[in-house]
Amino acid sequence: MTDDLRYPTGKFSFESEVTPDKRTKFIAAIREAPALMRGALKGLNDAQLDTPYREGGWTPRQIAHHVPESHMNAYTRFKLAITEDNPTIKPYDENAWAKTADIVREPVETSVVLLDALHKRWVSLLETMKPEDFSRTVFHPEHKREMNLDYLLQMYAWHGRHHAAHITGLRSRQGW
């Protein structure tokens, strides 16, 4: 944990020495992310869902919709990486996505259900991948570098916990 509200679980750090046990741990984090998000959001009313977790930060509502949007892109990146040679992935403006009209209109439960279904498919894919598949790469044009699937697995395992902690930290600070 950290006192920096932007990174309640700490900044992402890649573990370059990947073992089968570590990979299993990261896949478990992907599996558990929907339950973490559901628990973080449980019982929040509209006013609470629309309270930024920090000055200038997203609201729990925006976070609830952002995580499955981000993870849909991640799932697609995994599928591209295992079916193409070093494909160039499409970046997107997550801040612009967090402000589209559907974010306010759609209940957070819709995105929690989407996250649950998506993660079931994603975990199924991850568990069927061979160890060498995790060394396959994508090219990220925004970062101007290749990223292998071990890197992406770890990043998204962190990402789900990171955003759930934004919400649980807000709840704790507000006494909700």
N, C-alpha and C. Protein backbone atom coordinates (compact mmCIF):
# COMPACT_ATOMS: atom_id res chain seq x y z
N MET A 1 0.84 -1.18 0.00
CA MET A 1 0.00 0.00 0.00
C MET A 1 0.89 1.25 0.00
N THR A 2 0.28 2.37 -0.41
CA THR A 2 1.00 3.62 -0.50
C THR A 2 0.08 4.76 -0.13
N ASP A 3 0.65 5.89 0.24
CA ASP A 3 -0.15 7.08 0.57
C ASP A 3 -0.55 7.87 -0.66
N ASP A 4 0.02 7.55 -1.82
CA ASP A 4 -0.32 8.22 -3.07
C ASP A 4 -1.67 7.69 -3.54
N LEU A 5 -2.70 8.55 -3.51
CA LEU A 5 -4.04 8.11 -3.86
C LEU A 5 -4.15 7.61 -5.30
N ARG A 6 -3.25 8.05 -6.17
CA ARG A 6 -3.27 7.58 -7.56
C ARG A 6 -2.88 6.11 -7.65
N TYR A 7 -2.03 5.66 -6.73
CA TYR A 7 -1.49 4.30 -6.77
C TYR A 7 -1.68 3.61 -5.41
N PRO A 8 -2.92 3.30 -5.06
CA PRO A 8 -3.17 2.75 -3.72
C PRO A 8 -2.52 1.41 -3.46
N THR A 9 -2.21 0.66 -4.51
CA THR A 9 -1.52 -0.62 -4.34
C THR A 9 -0.06 -0.52 -4.76
N GLY A 10 0.40 0.70 -5.03
CA GLY A 10 1.75 0.93 -5.55
C GLY A 10 1.74 0.96 -7.06
N LYS A 11 2.78 1.52 -7.64
CA LYS A 11 2.90 1.56 -9.10
C LYS A 11 3.17 0.16 -9.64
N PHE A 12 2.76 -0.06 -10.88
CA PHE A 12 3.01 -1.35 -11.52
C PHE A 12 4.50 -1.60 -11.62
N SER A 13 4.89 -2.83 -11.31
CA SER A 13 6.28 -3.25 -11.41
C SER A 13 6.31 -4.64 -12.05
N PHE A 14 7.02 -4.76 -13.15
CA PHE A 14 7.11 -6.02 -13.87
C PHE A 14 8.12 -6.94 -13.21
N GLU A 15 7.70 -8.18 -12.97
CA GLU A 15 8.60 -9.21 -12.43
C GLU A 15 9.18 -9.97 -13.62
N SER A 16 10.42 -9.70 -13.95
CA SER A 16 11.01 -10.29 -15.15
C SER A 16 11.30 -11.79 -15.01
N GLU A 17 11.53 -12.24 -13.80
CA GLU A 17 11.76 -13.67 -13.56
C GLU A 17 10.42 -14.37 -13.37
N VAL A 18 9.84 -14.83 -14.47
CA VAL A 18 8.52 -15.45 -14.43
C VAL A 18 8.68 -16.96 -14.27
N THR A 19 7.95 -17.49 -13.31
CA THR A 19 7.90 -18.93 -13.09
C THR A 19 6.46 -19.40 -13.33
N PRO A 20 6.26 -20.69 -13.50
CA PRO A 20 4.87 -21.17 -13.64
C PRO A 20 4.00 -20.80 -12.43
N ASP A 21 4.58 -20.84 -11.23
CA ASP A 21 3.80 -20.48 -10.04
C ASP A 21 3.42 -19.00 -10.05
N LYS A 22 4.34 -18.14 -10.47
CA LYS A 22 4.02 -16.72 -10.54
C LYS A 22 2.94 -16.47 -11.60
N ARG A 23 3.06 -17.13 -12.72
CA ARG A 23 2.07 -16.96 -13.79
C ARG A 23 0.69 -17.40 -13.29
N THR A 24 0.64 -18.50 -12.55
CA THR A 24 -0.61 -18.97 -11.97
C THR A 24 -1.19 -17.92 -11.03
N LYS A 25 -0.33 -17.27 -10.26
CA LYS A 25 -0.76 -16.21 -9.34
C LYS A 25 -1.36 -15.03 -10.12
N PHE A 26 -0.75 -14.65 -11.22
CA PHE A 26 -1.27 -13.53 -12.01
C PHE A 26 -2.59 -13.89 -12.68
N ILE A 27 -2.71 -15.12 -13.14
CA ILE A 27 -3.98 -15.56 -13.72
C ILE A 27 -5.07 -15.56 -12.65
N ALA A 28 -4.73 -15.97 -11.44
CA ALA A 28 -5.69 -15.94 -10.33
C ALA A 28 -6.16 -14.51 -10.07
N ALA A 29 -5.28 -13.54 -10.19
CA ALA A 29 -5.67 -12.14 -9.99
C ALA A 29 -6.65 -11.69 -11.07
N ILE A 30 -6.45 -12.16 -12.29
CA ILE A 30 -7.42 -11.86 -13.37
C ILE A 30 -8.76 -12.50 -13.02
N ARG A 31 -8.73 -13.74 -12.56
CA ARG A 31 -9.97 -14.45 -12.19
C ARG A 31 -10.70 -13.71 -11.07
N GLU A 32 -9.98 -13.17 -10.10
CA GLU A 32 -10.58 -12.56 -8.92
C GLU A 32 -11.00 -11.11 -9.11
N ALA A 33 -10.57 -10.46 -10.17
CA ALA A 33 -10.85 -9.03 -10.37
C ALA A 33 -12.34 -8.69 -10.37
N PRO A 34 -13.20 -9.47 -11.04
CA PRO A 34 -14.62 -9.11 -10.99
C PRO A 34 -15.20 -9.11 -9.57
N ALA A 35 -14.82 -10.08 -8.76
CA ALA A 35 -15.32 -10.13 -7.38
C ALA A 35 -14.80 -8.95 -6.58
N LEU A 36 -13.55 -8.57 -6.80
CA LEU A 36 -13.01 -7.39 -6.12
C LEU A 36 -13.81 -6.14 -6.49
N MET A 37 -14.09 -5.98 -7.79
CA MET A 37 -14.84 -4.81 -8.24
C MET A 37 -16.25 -4.83 -7.68
N ARG A 38 -16.90 -5.98 -7.73
CA ARG A 38 -18.26 -6.09 -7.19
C ARG A 38 -18.27 -5.73 -5.70
N GLY A 39 -17.32 -6.24 -4.96
CA GLY A 39 -17.24 -5.93 -3.53
C GLY A 39 -16.97 -4.46 -3.26
N ALA A 40 -16.11 -3.86 -4.07
CA ALA A 40 -15.78 -2.44 -3.89
C ALA A 40 -17.00 -1.56 -4.13
N LEU A 41 -17.84 -1.95 -5.06
CA LEU A 41 -19.00 -1.13 -5.44
C LEU A 41 -20.25 -1.42 -4.62
N LYS A 42 -20.26 -2.53 -3.90
CA LYS A 42 -21.47 -2.99 -3.23
C LYS A 42 -22.06 -1.92 -2.31
N GLY A 43 -23.34 -1.65 -2.54
CA GLY A 43 -24.09 -0.76 -1.67
C GLY A 43 -23.89 0.72 -1.89
N LEU A 44 -23.07 1.10 -2.86
CA LEU A 44 -22.86 2.54 -3.10
C LEU A 44 -24.09 3.14 -3.78
N ASN A 45 -24.50 4.32 -3.31
CA ASN A 45 -25.63 5.01 -3.94
C ASN A 45 -25.10 5.92 -5.05
N ASP A 46 -26.00 6.57 -5.77
CA ASP A 46 -25.59 7.39 -6.91
C ASP A 46 -24.63 8.51 -6.51
N ALA A 47 -24.90 9.17 -5.39
CA ALA A 47 -24.01 10.26 -4.96
C ALA A 47 -22.61 9.71 -4.68
N GLN A 48 -22.53 8.56 -4.05
CA GLN A 48 -21.23 7.95 -3.76
C GLN A 48 -20.55 7.50 -5.04
N LEU A 49 -21.31 6.93 -5.97
CA LEU A 49 -20.75 6.50 -7.25
C LEU A 49 -20.20 7.66 -8.06
N ASP A 50 -20.69 8.86 -7.79
CA ASP A 50 -20.26 10.05 -8.53
C ASP A 50 -19.28 10.92 -7.76
N THR A 51 -18.66 10.37 -6.71
CA THR A 51 -17.67 11.08 -5.91
C THR A 51 -16.27 10.68 -6.39
N PRO A 52 -15.46 11.63 -6.87
CA PRO A 52 -14.10 11.27 -7.31
C PRO A 52 -13.30 10.69 -6.15
N TYR A 53 -12.48 9.69 -6.46
CA TYR A 53 -11.67 9.06 -5.41
C TYR A 53 -10.54 9.98 -4.94
N ARG A 54 -10.23 10.99 -5.74
CA ARG A 54 -9.25 12.03 -5.36
C ARG A 54 -9.56 13.25 -6.21
N GLU A 55 -9.01 14.39 -5.83
CA GLU A 55 -9.16 15.61 -6.61
C GLU A 55 -8.66 15.36 -8.03
N GLY A 56 -9.52 15.59 -9.01
CA GLY A 56 -9.15 15.37 -10.40
C GLY A 56 -9.19 13.92 -10.84
N GLY A 57 -9.60 13.02 -9.95
CA GLY A 57 -9.64 11.60 -10.28
C GLY A 57 -11.00 11.16 -10.76
N TRP A 58 -11.07 9.93 -11.20
CA TRP A 58 -12.32 9.35 -11.66
C TRP A 58 -13.24 9.02 -10.48
N THR A 59 -14.50 8.83 -10.80
CA THR A 59 -15.48 8.41 -9.82
C THR A 59 -15.57 6.87 -9.82
N PRO A 60 -16.13 6.29 -8.76
CA PRO A 60 -16.35 4.84 -8.81
C PRO A 60 -17.17 4.41 -10.03
N ARG A 61 -18.11 5.24 -10.45
CA ARG A 61 -18.91 4.92 -11.64
C ARG A 61 -18.00 4.82 -12.87
N GLN A 62 -17.13 5.81 -13.03
CA GLN A 62 -16.22 5.79 -14.18
C GLN A 62 -15.26 4.60 -14.11
N ILE A 63 -14.77 4.32 -12.92
CA ILE A 63 -13.86 3.18 -12.73
C ILE A 63 -14.57 1.87 -13.06
N ALA A 64 -15.81 1.74 -12.58
CA ALA A 64 -16.57 0.50 -12.82
C ALA A 64 -16.75 0.23 -14.31
N HIS A 65 -16.90 1.28 -15.10
CA HIS A 65 -17.05 1.11 -16.54
C HIS A 65 -15.69 1.01 -17.24
N HIS A 66 -14.69 1.71 -16.70
CA HIS A 66 -13.35 1.69 -17.30
C HIS A 66 -12.71 0.31 -17.27
N VAL A 67 -12.80 -0.38 -16.16
CA VAL A 67 -12.07 -1.65 -16.02
C VAL A 67 -12.48 -2.66 -17.09
N PRO A 68 -13.77 -2.93 -17.31
CA PRO A 68 -14.07 -3.87 -18.39
C PRO A 68 -13.71 -3.33 -19.77
N GLU A 69 -13.82 -2.02 -19.98
CA GLU A 69 -13.41 -1.46 -21.26
C GLU A 69 -11.92 -1.70 -21.50
N SER A 70 -11.13 -1.44 -20.49
CA SER A 70 -9.69 -1.66 -20.58
C SER A 70 -9.38 -3.14 -20.78
N HIS A 71 -10.07 -3.98 -20.04
CA HIS A 71 -9.78 -5.41 -20.09
C HIS A 71 -10.30 -6.05 -21.38
N MET A 72 -11.33 -5.47 -22.00
CA MET A 72 -11.74 -5.94 -23.32
C MET A 72 -10.62 -5.69 -24.32
N ASN A 73 -9.99 -4.53 -24.22
CA ASN A 73 -8.86 -4.24 -25.08
C ASN A 73 -7.71 -5.21 -24.79
N ALA A 74 -7.48 -5.51 -23.52
CA ALA A 74 -6.41 -6.44 -23.15
C ALA A 74 -6.68 -7.83 -23.71
N TYR A 75 -7.91 -8.31 -23.55
CA TYR A 75 -8.27 -9.63 -24.07
C TYR A 75 -8.03 -9.69 -25.58
N THR A 76 -8.45 -8.64 -26.27
CA THR A 76 -8.23 -8.57 -27.72
C THR A 76 -6.74 -8.58 -28.04
N ARG A 77 -5.95 -7.87 -27.26
CA ARG A 77 -4.50 -7.84 -27.48
C ARG A 77 -3.89 -9.23 -27.29
N PHE A 78 -4.37 -9.98 -26.32
CA PHE A 78 -3.89 -11.35 -26.13
C PHE A 78 -4.23 -12.21 -27.35
N LYS A 79 -5.48 -12.10 -27.80
CA LYS A 79 -5.89 -12.90 -28.95
C LYS A 79 -5.08 -12.53 -30.19
N LEU A 80 -4.85 -11.24 -30.40
CA LEU A 80 -4.04 -10.80 -31.53
C LEU A 80 -2.62 -11.36 -31.42
N ALA A 81 -2.05 -11.28 -30.24
CA ALA A 81 -0.66 -11.72 -30.04
C ALA A 81 -0.48 -13.21 -30.30
N ILE A 82 -1.49 -14.02 -29.95
CA ILE A 82 -1.31 -15.46 -30.15
C ILE A 82 -1.74 -15.92 -31.54
N THR A 83 -2.31 -15.01 -32.32
CA THR A 83 -2.74 -15.39 -33.67
C THR A 83 -2.00 -14.64 -34.78
N GLU A 84 -1.22 -13.63 -34.41
CA GLU A 84 -0.47 -12.84 -35.39
C GLU A 84 0.95 -12.64 -34.87
N ASP A 85 1.86 -12.30 -35.77
CA ASP A 85 3.24 -12.04 -35.37
C ASP A 85 3.41 -10.56 -35.04
N ASN A 86 3.63 -10.28 -33.76
CA ASN A 86 3.89 -8.94 -33.25
C ASN A 86 2.95 -7.88 -33.85
N PRO A 87 1.63 -8.06 -33.67
CA PRO A 87 0.70 -7.08 -34.23
C PRO A 87 0.82 -5.72 -33.54
N THR A 88 0.54 -4.68 -34.29
CA THR A 88 0.46 -3.34 -33.71
C THR A 88 -0.93 -3.19 -33.11
N ILE A 89 -0.98 -2.83 -31.85
CA ILE A 89 -2.27 -2.70 -31.17
C ILE A 89 -2.77 -1.26 -31.28
N LYS A 90 -4.04 -1.10 -31.09
CA LYS A 90 -4.68 0.20 -31.18
C LYS A 90 -4.75 0.83 -29.80
N PRO A 91 -4.05 1.95 -29.59
CA PRO A 91 -4.23 2.68 -28.34
C PRO A 91 -5.60 3.37 -28.33
N TYR A 92 -6.05 3.79 -27.18
CA TYR A 92 -7.30 4.53 -27.08
C TYR A 92 -7.18 5.54 -25.94
N ASP A 93 -7.99 6.57 -25.98
CA ASP A 93 -7.96 7.64 -24.99
C ASP A 93 -8.91 7.26 -23.86
N GLU A 94 -8.37 6.64 -22.81
CA GLU A 94 -9.23 6.16 -21.72
C GLU A 94 -9.95 7.29 -21.01
N ASN A 95 -9.35 8.47 -20.94
CA ASN A 95 -10.03 9.61 -20.30
C ASN A 95 -11.24 10.04 -21.12
N ALA A 96 -11.12 10.04 -22.43
CA ALA A 96 -12.26 10.37 -23.29
C ALA A 96 -13.34 9.30 -23.16
N TRP A 97 -12.93 8.04 -23.11
CA TRP A 97 -13.90 6.95 -22.95
C TRP A 97 -14.66 7.10 -21.62
N ALA A 98 -13.97 7.55 -20.56
CA ALA A 98 -14.59 7.69 -19.24
C ALA A 98 -15.62 8.81 -19.20
N LYS A 99 -15.67 9.63 -20.25
CA LYS A 99 -16.61 10.76 -20.29
C LYS A 99 -17.72 10.59 -21.31
N THR A 100 -17.81 9.43 -21.96
CA THR A 100 -18.88 9.24 -22.95
C THR A 100 -20.22 9.13 -22.22
N ALA A 101 -21.30 9.44 -22.94
CA ALA A 101 -22.63 9.54 -22.35
C ALA A 101 -23.10 8.24 -21.69
N ASP A 102 -22.70 7.10 -22.21
CA ASP A 102 -23.16 5.83 -21.64
C ASP A 102 -22.63 5.60 -20.23
N ILE A 103 -21.53 6.23 -19.87
CA ILE A 103 -20.94 6.05 -18.54
C ILE A 103 -21.91 6.50 -17.46
N VAL A 104 -22.57 7.61 -17.67
CA VAL A 104 -23.53 8.14 -16.70
C VAL A 104 -24.85 7.39 -16.78
N ARG A 105 -25.22 7.01 -17.98
CA ARG A 105 -26.53 6.40 -18.21
C ARG A 105 -26.63 4.95 -17.74
N GLU A 106 -25.58 4.18 -17.98
CA GLU A 106 -25.64 2.73 -17.74
C GLU A 106 -25.33 2.40 -16.28
N PRO A 107 -26.13 1.54 -15.65
CA PRO A 107 -25.82 1.13 -14.27
C PRO A 107 -24.46 0.43 -14.19
N VAL A 108 -23.78 0.61 -13.08
CA VAL A 108 -22.47 -0.04 -12.92
C VAL A 108 -22.60 -1.55 -12.96
N GLU A 109 -23.74 -2.08 -12.56
CA GLU A 109 -23.94 -3.53 -12.57
C GLU A 109 -23.75 -4.11 -13.96
N THR A 110 -24.13 -3.36 -14.99
CA THR A 110 -23.94 -3.83 -16.37
C THR A 110 -22.46 -4.09 -16.63
N SER A 111 -21.62 -3.19 -16.18
CA SER A 111 -20.19 -3.36 -16.41
C SER A 111 -19.58 -4.43 -15.51
N VAL A 112 -20.13 -4.62 -14.32
CA VAL A 112 -19.64 -5.69 -13.45
C VAL A 112 -19.97 -7.05 -14.07
N VAL A 113 -21.17 -7.19 -14.62
CA VAL A 113 -21.56 -8.43 -15.29
C VAL A 113 -20.67 -8.65 -16.52
N LEU A 114 -20.43 -7.58 -17.27
CA LEU A 114 -19.54 -7.67 -18.43
C LEU A 114 -18.14 -8.10 -18.00
N LEU A 115 -17.63 -7.51 -16.93
CA LEU A 115 -16.29 -7.85 -16.43
C LEU A 115 -16.23 -9.33 -16.03
N ASP A 116 -17.27 -9.81 -15.38
CA ASP A 116 -17.31 -11.21 -14.96
C ASP A 116 -17.26 -12.14 -16.17
N ALA A 117 -18.11 -11.88 -17.16
CA ALA A 117 -18.14 -12.74 -18.35
C ALA A 117 -16.83 -12.66 -19.12
N LEU A 118 -16.32 -11.47 -19.28
CA LEU A 118 -15.06 -11.27 -19.99
C LEU A 118 -13.92 -12.02 -19.30
N HIS A 119 -13.85 -11.92 -17.99
CA HIS A 119 -12.76 -12.58 -17.27
C HIS A 119 -12.88 -14.10 -17.31
N LYS A 120 -14.09 -14.61 -17.36
CA LYS A 120 -14.24 -16.07 -17.52
C LYS A 120 -13.62 -16.50 -18.85
N ARG A 121 -13.91 -15.77 -19.90
CA ARG A 121 -13.32 -16.09 -21.22
C ARG A 121 -11.82 -15.90 -21.19
N TRP A 122 -11.35 -14.81 -20.60
CA TRP A 122 -9.94 -14.48 -20.58
C TRP A 122 -9.16 -15.53 -19.80
N VAL A 123 -9.67 -15.91 -18.64
CA VAL A 123 -8.99 -16.94 -17.84
C VAL A 123 -8.96 -18.26 -18.59
N SER A 124 -10.04 -18.58 -19.28
CA SER A 124 -10.05 -19.79 -20.08
C SER A 124 -8.94 -19.75 -21.13
N LEU A 125 -8.80 -18.63 -21.79
CA LEU A 125 -7.71 -18.47 -22.76
C LEU A 125 -6.35 -18.60 -22.08
N LEU A 126 -6.16 -17.89 -20.99
CA LEU A 126 -4.87 -17.90 -20.29
C LEU A 126 -4.48 -19.29 -19.84
N GLU A 127 -5.45 -20.05 -19.36
CA GLU A 127 -5.16 -21.39 -18.85
C GLU A 127 -4.88 -22.39 -19.97
N THR A 128 -5.24 -22.06 -21.19
CA THR A 128 -4.95 -22.96 -22.31
C THR A 128 -3.70 -22.57 -23.06
N MET A 129 -3.10 -21.44 -22.70
CA MET A 129 -1.89 -21.00 -23.38
C MET A 129 -0.69 -21.83 -22.92
N LYS A 130 0.22 -22.09 -23.84
CA LYS A 130 1.47 -22.78 -23.53
C LYS A 130 2.45 -21.76 -22.95
N PRO A 131 3.41 -22.22 -22.15
CA PRO A 131 4.38 -21.27 -21.59
C PRO A 131 5.04 -20.38 -22.65
N GLU A 132 5.35 -20.95 -23.80
CA GLU A 132 6.01 -20.14 -24.84
C GLU A 132 5.09 -19.08 -25.43
N ASP A 133 3.77 -19.28 -25.31
CA ASP A 133 2.83 -18.28 -25.82
C ASP A 133 2.98 -16.94 -25.09
N PHE A 134 3.37 -16.99 -23.83
CA PHE A 134 3.50 -15.77 -23.04
C PHE A 134 4.68 -14.90 -23.48
N SER A 135 5.55 -15.46 -24.31
CA SER A 135 6.66 -14.64 -24.84
C SER A 135 6.27 -13.96 -26.16
N ARG A 136 5.10 -14.27 -26.68
CA ARG A 136 4.63 -13.60 -27.89
C ARG A 136 4.42 -12.12 -27.59
N THR A 137 4.51 -11.29 -28.61
CA THR A 137 4.52 -9.85 -28.38
C THR A 137 3.46 -9.11 -29.20
N VAL A 138 3.19 -7.91 -28.72
CA VAL A 138 2.43 -6.91 -29.47
C VAL A 138 3.30 -5.66 -29.51
N PHE A 139 3.06 -4.81 -30.49
CA PHE A 139 3.76 -3.54 -30.56
C PHE A 139 2.78 -2.44 -30.16
N HIS A 140 3.18 -1.65 -29.17
CA HIS A 140 2.35 -0.56 -28.69
C HIS A 140 2.89 0.74 -29.28
N PRO A 141 2.18 1.33 -30.26
CA PRO A 141 2.72 2.51 -30.95
C PRO A 141 2.82 3.75 -30.06
N GLU A 142 1.99 3.85 -29.05
CA GLU A 142 2.05 5.00 -28.14
C GLU A 142 3.32 4.95 -27.29
N HIS A 143 3.68 3.75 -26.85
CA HIS A 143 4.89 3.56 -26.04
C HIS A 143 6.12 3.26 -26.90
N LYS A 144 5.87 3.04 -28.19
CA LYS A 144 6.93 2.77 -29.17
C LYS A 144 7.81 1.59 -28.76
N ARG A 145 7.15 0.50 -28.32
CA ARG A 145 7.91 -0.69 -27.93
C ARG A 145 7.05 -1.94 -27.99
N GLU A 146 7.75 -3.06 -28.06
CA GLU A 146 7.10 -4.36 -27.98
C GLU A 146 6.83 -4.69 -26.51
N MET A 147 5.73 -5.40 -26.29
CA MET A 147 5.38 -5.88 -24.96
C MET A 147 5.01 -7.35 -25.11
N ASN A 148 5.58 -8.21 -24.26
CA ASN A 148 5.19 -9.61 -24.35
C ASN A 148 3.98 -9.88 -23.46
N LEU A 149 3.39 -11.05 -23.64
CA LEU A 149 2.16 -11.36 -22.92
C LEU A 149 2.39 -11.58 -21.43
N ASP A 150 3.59 -11.97 -21.02
CA ASP A 150 3.88 -12.03 -19.59
C ASP A 150 3.79 -10.63 -18.98
N TYR A 151 4.31 -9.64 -19.69
CA TYR A 151 4.23 -8.26 -19.22
C TYR A 151 2.77 -7.82 -19.12
N LEU A 152 2.00 -8.07 -20.18
CA LEU A 152 0.59 -7.66 -20.17
C LEU A 152 -0.21 -8.39 -19.10
N LEU A 153 0.07 -9.68 -18.91
CA LEU A 153 -0.62 -10.44 -17.87
C LEU A 153 -0.39 -9.79 -16.51
N GLN A 154 0.86 -9.49 -16.21
CA GLN A 154 1.16 -8.87 -14.92
C GLN A 154 0.53 -7.49 -14.79
N MET A 155 0.58 -6.71 -15.86
CA MET A 155 0.03 -5.37 -15.81
C MET A 155 -1.47 -5.40 -15.54
N TYR A 156 -2.19 -6.29 -16.21
CA TYR A 156 -3.64 -6.33 -16.02
C TYR A 156 -4.02 -7.02 -14.71
N ALA A 157 -3.21 -7.92 -14.21
CA ALA A 157 -3.44 -8.47 -12.88
C ALA A 157 -3.35 -7.35 -11.85
N TRP A 158 -2.37 -6.47 -12.02
CA TRP A 158 -2.23 -5.30 -11.15
C TRP A 158 -3.39 -4.32 -11.37
N HIS A 159 -3.78 -4.11 -12.61
CA HIS A 159 -4.77 -3.10 -12.97
C HIS A 159 -6.11 -3.30 -12.27
N GLY A 160 -6.59 -4.53 -12.22
CA GLY A 160 -7.86 -4.79 -11.56
C GLY A 160 -7.81 -4.46 -10.07
N ARG A 161 -6.75 -4.89 -9.40
CA ARG A 161 -6.57 -4.59 -7.96
C ARG A 161 -6.42 -3.09 -7.75
N HIS A 162 -5.65 -2.45 -8.61
CA HIS A 162 -5.37 -1.02 -8.55
C HIS A 162 -6.66 -0.21 -8.53
N HIS A 163 -7.56 -0.50 -9.48
CA HIS A 163 -8.79 0.28 -9.56
C HIS A 163 -9.80 -0.09 -8.48
N ALA A 164 -9.88 -1.34 -8.09
CA ALA A 164 -10.74 -1.70 -6.97
C ALA A 164 -10.28 -0.97 -5.70
N ALA A 165 -8.97 -0.83 -5.53
CA ALA A 165 -8.42 -0.12 -4.37
C ALA A 165 -8.73 1.37 -4.42
N HIS A 166 -8.87 1.96 -5.60
CA HIS A 166 -9.30 3.36 -5.67
C HIS A 166 -10.65 3.50 -4.97
N ILE A 167 -11.54 2.55 -5.26
CA ILE A 167 -12.90 2.63 -4.70
C ILE A 167 -12.90 2.28 -3.22
N THR A 168 -12.21 1.22 -2.83
CA THR A 168 -12.21 0.84 -1.41
C THR A 168 -11.49 1.88 -0.56
N GLY A 169 -10.47 2.51 -1.13
CA GLY A 169 -9.79 3.58 -0.41
C GLY A 169 -10.71 4.78 -0.18
N LEU A 170 -11.47 5.15 -1.22
CA LEU A 170 -12.44 6.23 -1.10
C LEU A 170 -13.47 5.88 -0.03
N ARG A 171 -13.97 4.66 -0.06
CA ARG A 171 -14.97 4.23 0.93
C ARG A 171 -14.40 4.35 2.34
N SER A 172 -13.17 3.93 2.50
CA SER A 172 -12.55 3.99 3.82
C SER A 172 -12.38 5.44 4.29
N ARG A 173 -11.88 6.28 3.39
CA ARG A 173 -11.67 7.70 3.76
C ARG A 173 -12.99 8.41 4.06
N GLN A 174 -14.06 8.02 3.37
CA GLN A 174 -15.37 8.66 3.55
C GLN A 174 -16.21 7.98 4.65
N GLY A 175 -15.76 6.84 5.14
CA GLY A 175 -16.51 6.13 6.15
C GLY A 175 -17.79 5.47 5.62
N TRP A 176 -17.75 5.04 4.35
CA TRP A 176 -18.93 4.41 3.74
C TRP A 176 -18.92 2.92 4.01
